[in-house]
Protein backbone atom coordinates (compact mmCIF):
# COMPACT_ATOMS: atom_id res chain seq x y z
CA MET A 1 12.52 346.66 154.93
CA LEU A 2 14.88 344.08 155.39
CA SER A 3 12.25 341.61 156.28
CA ASN A 4 11.14 341.48 153.35
CA TYR A 5 14.89 339.33 153.00
CA CYS A 6 15.10 337.87 156.15
CA SER A 7 12.75 336.78 158.90
CA GLN A 8 13.46 337.84 162.68
CA ASP A 9 13.02 334.27 163.78
CA GLY A 10 15.03 332.70 160.90
CA LYS A 11 12.56 329.79 160.30
CA ASN A 12 9.41 330.32 158.85
CA SER A 13 9.68 333.76 156.47
CA GLU A 14 9.02 332.77 152.74
CA HIS A 15 12.53 334.59 151.78
CA ASN A 16 14.20 333.23 154.14
CA VAL A 17 17.93 333.45 153.11
CA PHE A 18 18.67 330.03 154.26
CA ARG A 19 15.17 328.41 153.53
CA GLY A 20 15.45 324.69 153.46
CA ILE A 21 18.55 324.37 154.96
CA SER A 22 19.08 323.19 158.69
CA THR A 23 20.93 326.34 160.54
CA ARG A 24 22.07 327.04 163.94
CA PRO A 25 19.50 329.60 165.25
CA ASN A 26 21.82 332.49 165.22
CA GLN A 27 22.59 332.33 161.67
CA GLU A 28 19.56 334.08 160.05
CA GLU A 29 20.03 336.82 163.26
CA ILE A 30 23.83 337.56 161.95
CA PHE A 31 23.17 337.67 158.41
CA SER A 32 20.18 340.21 158.96
CA GLU A 33 22.50 342.24 160.95
CA PHE A 34 25.26 342.35 158.15
CA LEU A 35 22.15 343.76 155.88
CA GLN A 36 20.94 346.35 158.18
CA ASP A 37 24.78 347.45 158.11
CA GLN A 38 24.76 347.99 154.55
CA ASP A 39 24.11 351.44 152.98
CA VAL A 40 23.08 350.09 149.90
CA SER A 41 19.90 350.01 147.64
CA PRO A 42 17.23 347.39 147.90
CA HIS A 43 18.52 345.96 144.64
CA SER A 44 21.86 345.18 146.07
CA VAL A 45 20.31 344.17 149.23
CA GLN A 46 18.37 341.39 147.24
CA ALA A 47 21.60 340.81 145.25
CA LEU A 48 23.62 340.20 148.39
CA THR A 49 20.50 337.70 149.87
CA MET A 50 20.55 335.93 146.43
CA ASP A 51 24.60 335.59 146.74
CA ILE A 52 24.80 334.21 150.04
CA ARG A 53 22.31 332.15 149.80
CA LYS A 54 23.82 330.17 146.94
CA LEU A 55 26.54 329.24 148.91
CA ALA A 56 24.83 328.43 152.00
CA LYS A 57 22.85 325.99 149.66
CA TRP A 58 26.01 324.65 148.10
CA PHE A 59 27.67 324.15 151.62
CA SER A 60 24.91 322.44 152.92
CA THR A 61 24.86 319.96 150.30
CA ALA A 62 28.59 319.65 149.63
CA ASN A 63 29.52 318.95 153.07
CA SER A 64 26.29 317.28 154.40
CA GLU A 65 26.08 319.73 157.39
CA PRO A 66 23.96 322.86 158.46
CA TRP A 67 25.76 326.13 157.26
CA ASP A 68 27.23 327.64 159.69
CA VAL A 69 29.90 330.41 158.95
CA GLU A 70 32.45 329.91 161.42
CA ARG A 71 32.74 326.45 159.50
CA VAL A 72 33.55 328.01 156.25
CA THR A 73 37.24 327.36 154.76
CA VAL A 74 39.07 328.62 152.27
CA ARG A 75 38.44 325.23 150.08
CA ASP A 76 34.91 325.71 150.72
CA ILE A 77 34.72 329.19 148.99
CA THR A 78 37.48 328.10 146.07
CA ASP A 79 35.29 324.54 145.73
CA PHE A 80 32.28 327.05 145.65
CA ARG A 81 33.55 329.40 142.68
CA GLU A 82 34.79 325.78 140.58
CA TYR A 83 30.89 324.68 141.04
CA LEU A 84 29.58 327.66 139.33
CA ARG A 85 32.18 327.92 136.75
CA GLN A 86 32.30 324.08 135.69
CA GLU A 87 28.74 322.98 136.44
CA LYS A 88 26.34 325.59 136.39
CA LYS A 89 28.18 327.04 133.78
CA GLN A 90 27.93 330.83 134.96
CA ALA A 91 29.32 333.80 133.12
CA VAL A 92 32.58 334.80 134.27
CA SER A 93 30.96 338.23 135.56
CA THR A 94 28.42 336.47 136.95
CA ILE A 95 30.66 334.28 139.25
CA ASN A 96 32.92 337.22 140.29
CA ARG A 97 29.99 339.31 141.40
CA ASN A 98 29.07 336.41 143.42
CA LEU A 99 32.50 336.41 145.01
CA ALA A 100 32.56 340.03 145.61
CA SER A 101 29.32 339.48 147.94
CA ILE A 102 30.92 336.49 149.54
CA ARG A 103 34.14 338.65 150.62
CA LYS A 104 31.80 341.37 151.65
CA TYR A 105 29.93 339.07 153.93
CA PHE A 106 33.04 337.41 155.49
CA LYS A 107 34.84 340.94 155.76
CA TRP A 108 32.48 342.02 157.88
CA LEU A 109 31.96 338.71 160.09
CA PHE A 110 35.69 339.34 160.63
CA GLN A 111 35.17 342.81 161.87
CA LYS A 112 32.30 342.05 164.00
CA ASP A 113 34.38 339.21 165.31
CA HIS A 114 31.88 336.15 164.29
CA ILE A 115 34.59 334.45 162.53
CA THR A 116 38.20 334.40 163.81
CA ALA A 117 39.51 334.29 160.48
CA ASN A 118 38.42 335.24 156.97
CA PRO A 119 38.16 332.49 154.51
CA ALA A 120 37.34 334.57 151.51
CA LEU A 121 40.37 336.96 151.73
CA SER A 122 42.76 334.61 149.50
CA VAL A 123 39.97 333.37 146.95
CA LYS A 124 40.78 335.43 143.60
CA GLU A 125 38.32 336.20 140.94
CA LEU A 126 38.05 334.79 137.42
CA LYS A 127 40.08 336.54 134.76
CA ARG A 128 38.28 337.29 131.78
CA GLN A 129 39.43 336.80 128.39
CA PRO A 130 40.93 339.86 127.45
CA LEU A 131 39.30 340.83 123.93
CA ALA A 132 39.90 343.59 121.78
CA PRO A 133 37.81 346.37 121.74
CA GLN A 134 34.87 346.05 119.60
CA GLY A 135 34.35 348.05 116.42
CA LEU A 136 31.93 348.05 113.66
CA THR A 137 31.49 345.60 111.04
CA ARG A 138 31.93 346.36 107.73
CA SER A 139 28.39 345.90 107.03
CA GLU A 140 27.53 348.41 109.88
CA VAL A 141 29.84 351.13 108.46
CA ARG A 142 28.23 350.32 105.00
CA LYS A 143 24.85 351.03 106.42
CA LEU A 144 26.03 353.94 108.31
CA LEU A 145 27.53 355.61 105.05
CA ARG A 146 24.82 354.86 103.07
CA GLU A 147 22.10 356.27 105.31
CA VAL A 148 24.06 359.48 105.21
CA GLU A 149 24.19 359.42 101.38
CA LEU A 150 20.59 359.08 101.20
CA ARG A 151 20.16 361.70 103.39
CA LYS A 152 22.63 364.07 101.68
CA ASP A 153 24.11 364.86 105.25
CA ILE A 154 27.34 366.20 103.71
CA ARG A 155 28.49 367.51 107.09
CA GLU A 156 27.32 364.31 109.10
CA LYS A 157 29.64 362.50 106.33
CA GLY A 158 32.67 364.46 106.60
CA ILE A 159 32.43 364.11 110.86
CA PHE A 160 31.91 360.36 110.39
CA SER A 161 34.73 360.01 107.65
CA ILE A 162 37.54 361.54 109.73
CA VAL A 163 36.97 359.50 112.75
CA LEU A 164 36.83 356.49 110.07
CA TYR A 165 39.31 357.16 108.24
CA THR A 166 41.97 359.10 110.66
CA GLY A 167 41.22 357.20 113.86
CA ALA A 168 39.94 360.92 115.68
CA ARG A 169 38.86 361.29 119.45
CA LEU A 170 35.56 363.13 120.07
CA SER A 171 37.63 365.99 121.42
CA ASP A 172 39.69 365.91 118.17
CA VAL A 173 36.86 366.55 116.05
CA THR A 174 35.14 369.22 118.22
CA TYR A 175 37.94 371.41 118.31
CA LEU A 176 39.68 371.16 114.77
CA GLU A 177 40.01 374.31 113.23
CA LEU A 178 40.27 374.93 109.45
CA SER A 179 43.90 375.99 109.55
CA ASP A 180 44.62 372.48 111.20
CA LEU A 181 43.59 370.94 107.50
CA SER A 182 45.90 370.55 104.75
CA ILE A 183 43.87 369.26 101.74
CA SER A 184 44.54 368.90 98.43
CA GLU A 185 43.53 366.23 95.63
CA ARG A 186 46.80 363.97 95.79
CA THR A 187 47.30 364.28 99.67
CA GLY A 188 46.02 365.68 102.84
CA THR A 189 47.06 365.70 106.74
CA VAL A 190 45.32 366.99 109.73
CA PHE A 191 47.08 368.28 112.90
CA TYR A 192 44.96 367.27 116.17
CA ARG A 193 46.15 369.72 118.48
CA HIS A 194 44.01 368.98 121.61
CA GLY A 195 44.42 365.52 121.81
CA LYS A 196 44.79 363.27 125.51
CA GLY A 197 47.31 364.56 127.49
CA SER A 198 47.73 367.67 125.57
CA LYS A 199 50.06 365.61 123.03
CA GLN A 200 49.73 366.74 119.42
CA ARG A 201 49.89 364.73 116.24
CA VAL A 202 49.54 365.04 112.64
CA VAL A 203 47.52 362.08 110.73
CA PRO A 204 47.52 361.75 107.13
CA ILE A 205 43.72 362.05 105.19
CA PRO A 206 43.11 359.28 102.64
CA LEU A 207 41.19 359.92 99.60
CA GLN A 208 37.54 359.04 100.72
CA ALA A 209 38.00 361.58 103.58
CA ARG A 210 39.50 364.02 102.00
CA LYS A 211 36.58 364.35 99.47
CA ALA A 212 34.17 364.13 102.24
CA LEU A 213 35.70 367.23 103.63
CA LEU A 214 36.50 368.95 100.70
CA SER A 215 32.47 368.64 99.99
CA TYR A 216 31.48 369.74 103.31
CA LEU A 217 34.18 372.94 103.36
CA GLU A 218 32.43 373.95 100.11
CA THR A 219 28.95 374.24 101.51
CA ARG A 220 30.20 374.91 105.40
CA PRO A 221 28.45 378.27 106.61
CA PRO A 222 30.47 381.41 106.40
CA VAL A 223 30.51 381.96 109.82
CA ASP A 224 32.84 383.81 112.32
CA SER A 225 34.38 381.12 113.85
CA GLN A 226 37.64 378.90 112.99
CA ARG A 227 35.93 375.52 114.20
CA VAL A 228 35.52 373.05 110.85
CA PHE A 229 32.06 371.59 112.01
CA ILE A 230 29.34 374.54 112.39
CA GLY A 231 25.72 374.20 113.67
CA GLU A 232 22.59 376.10 113.06
CA ARG A 233 23.59 378.12 115.90
CA GLY A 234 27.55 378.27 115.47
CA GLU A 235 30.11 376.23 116.74
CA LEU A 236 29.35 372.49 117.52
CA ASN A 237 30.08 371.61 120.81
CA ARG A 238 30.87 368.01 122.43
CA ARG A 239 27.25 367.42 122.89
CA GLY A 240 26.76 368.71 119.16
CA ILE A 241 28.54 366.10 117.92
CA GLN A 242 27.43 363.67 120.33
CA ALA A 243 23.83 364.60 119.03
CA VAL A 244 24.83 363.81 115.36
CA PHE A 245 26.06 360.03 116.31
CA GLU A 246 22.85 359.71 118.23
CA LYS A 247 20.65 360.81 115.14
CA TYR A 248 22.04 357.87 113.16
CA ARG A 249 22.18 355.72 116.11
CA ALA A 250 18.45 355.86 116.02
CA LEU A 251 18.29 355.99 112.00
CA THR A 252 20.61 352.82 111.30
CA GLY A 253 19.45 350.91 114.63
CA ILE A 254 23.34 350.43 115.25
CA GLU A 255 23.35 350.52 119.18
CA ASN A 256 27.16 350.65 119.65
CA LEU A 257 27.56 353.56 117.12
CA HIS A 258 29.74 356.18 119.33
CA CYS A 259 32.98 358.06 118.32
CA HIS A 260 35.22 355.67 120.17
CA VAL A 261 33.41 352.96 118.58
CA LEU A 262 34.41 354.27 114.65
CA ARG A 263 38.03 354.96 116.59
CA HIS A 264 38.14 351.00 117.37
CA THR A 265 36.82 350.42 113.93
CA PHE A 266 39.64 352.55 112.16
CA SER A 267 42.29 350.78 114.29
CA HIS A 268 40.93 347.15 113.36
CA SER A 269 40.95 348.30 109.71
CA PHE A 270 44.66 349.95 109.86
CA LEU A 271 45.94 346.94 111.24
CA SER A 272 43.62 344.21 109.20
CA SER A 273 44.78 346.01 105.63
CA ALA A 274 47.82 344.08 105.16
CA GLU A 275 45.86 340.73 105.84
CA ASN A 276 43.50 341.45 102.96
CA GLY A 277 46.21 342.19 100.71
CA GLY A 278 47.07 346.06 101.42
CA ALA A 279 50.15 347.68 102.28
CA GLY A 280 48.97 347.15 106.01
CA GLY A 281 50.08 349.07 109.28
CA ASN A 282 52.06 348.02 112.38
CA LEU A 283 51.89 349.26 116.08
CA VAL A 284 53.91 351.77 115.93
CA GLN A 285 52.21 353.31 113.36
CA LEU A 286 48.85 353.02 114.52
CA ALA A 287 50.18 354.26 118.03
CA SER A 288 51.85 357.36 116.25
CA ILE A 289 47.87 358.14 114.30
CA LEU A 290 45.91 357.79 117.58
CA GLY A 291 48.30 359.34 120.00
CA HIS A 292 48.80 357.01 122.45
CA GLU A 293 52.13 357.07 124.53
CA SER A 294 52.59 353.24 125.07
CA LEU A 295 52.56 350.64 122.40
CA ASN A 296 50.74 348.32 125.33
CA THR A 297 47.80 350.96 124.91
CA THR A 298 47.81 350.04 121.23
CA ALA A 299 48.45 346.43 121.50
CA ILE A 300 44.82 345.94 122.28
CA TYR A 301 43.95 345.94 118.74
CA THR A 302 46.01 342.81 118.27
CA ARG A 303 43.79 340.66 121.04
CA ASN A 304 41.48 338.43 119.26
CA SER A 305 37.98 339.46 118.89
CA ILE A 306 34.93 336.87 120.42
CA ASP A 307 33.90 336.13 116.35
CA GLN A 308 37.81 335.28 115.71
CA LEU A 309 37.70 332.79 118.86
CA ALA A 310 34.89 331.52 117.57
CA ASP A 311 35.88 331.05 114.23
CA THR A 312 38.68 329.02 115.17
CA SER A 313 36.82 327.09 117.91
CA GLU A 314 34.22 325.86 115.30
CA ASN A 315 37.25 324.32 113.06
CA ILE A 316 38.54 322.17 116.22
CA THR A 317 37.74 318.45 115.35
CA TYR A 318 37.90 315.33 117.38
């Protein structure tokens, strides 16, 4: 199988990883030995081959000398990283994958005494721009709730509403009991007793969510269970709740329609409401609602989204 990627003589194979590069006779044999030592899938073998071949071709061109693992320096790998970023304009994830392959190869070379020092050891990966977790857009939320209304799925509207308006987790929704709800026409709260790390919290329920939940409770099947959300066969478990999301993912075409995405949507809306003229919310309040132990966890929602970065970039003039 490895012969598909490396020839035994290192000269004439169509798939020669160093094809077109003048190499010392043992370079192909060394790389072939490396691949044989790797307990990875054929796809990974191909990726490793492409990544090392890319470095070898660049090395030969940049240094005007044949590819030789013994002559690769830290400067070479650093410059190669910058070449991929500046000239090839490759994505950070692609560059980092390439660097991972290079580190893997040179670590093996060092362990097998093919080189006396590992030049890849100190070369760091590129940092990705930290972005806020992505939620649904307003138009996507509207599309979801409109589809629910058209289908008169009262239970589903209750499920989506409690996540969209209180930032519930999947486990919160799954194990929610009737006694955890305290709802009237003017006010309402929900007690989430099964939060992450067994942390419990009380969260206010806004009007729209209260309406949706009260409508569902009026039609809830009279079963011998305290769970709020009931299916045809009794209590809805985690898989049952996920099936609701899968159903509407197919109906709406919203590919990232998941419970945690609606939780992200709530978080963004909570913090941005002040920008839209509302009372607004702060990180301390949001952390309390979401059940976060640390404000550092909640602070991810203050990061820019890729759309916000793009809008800002569009305003640059020279």
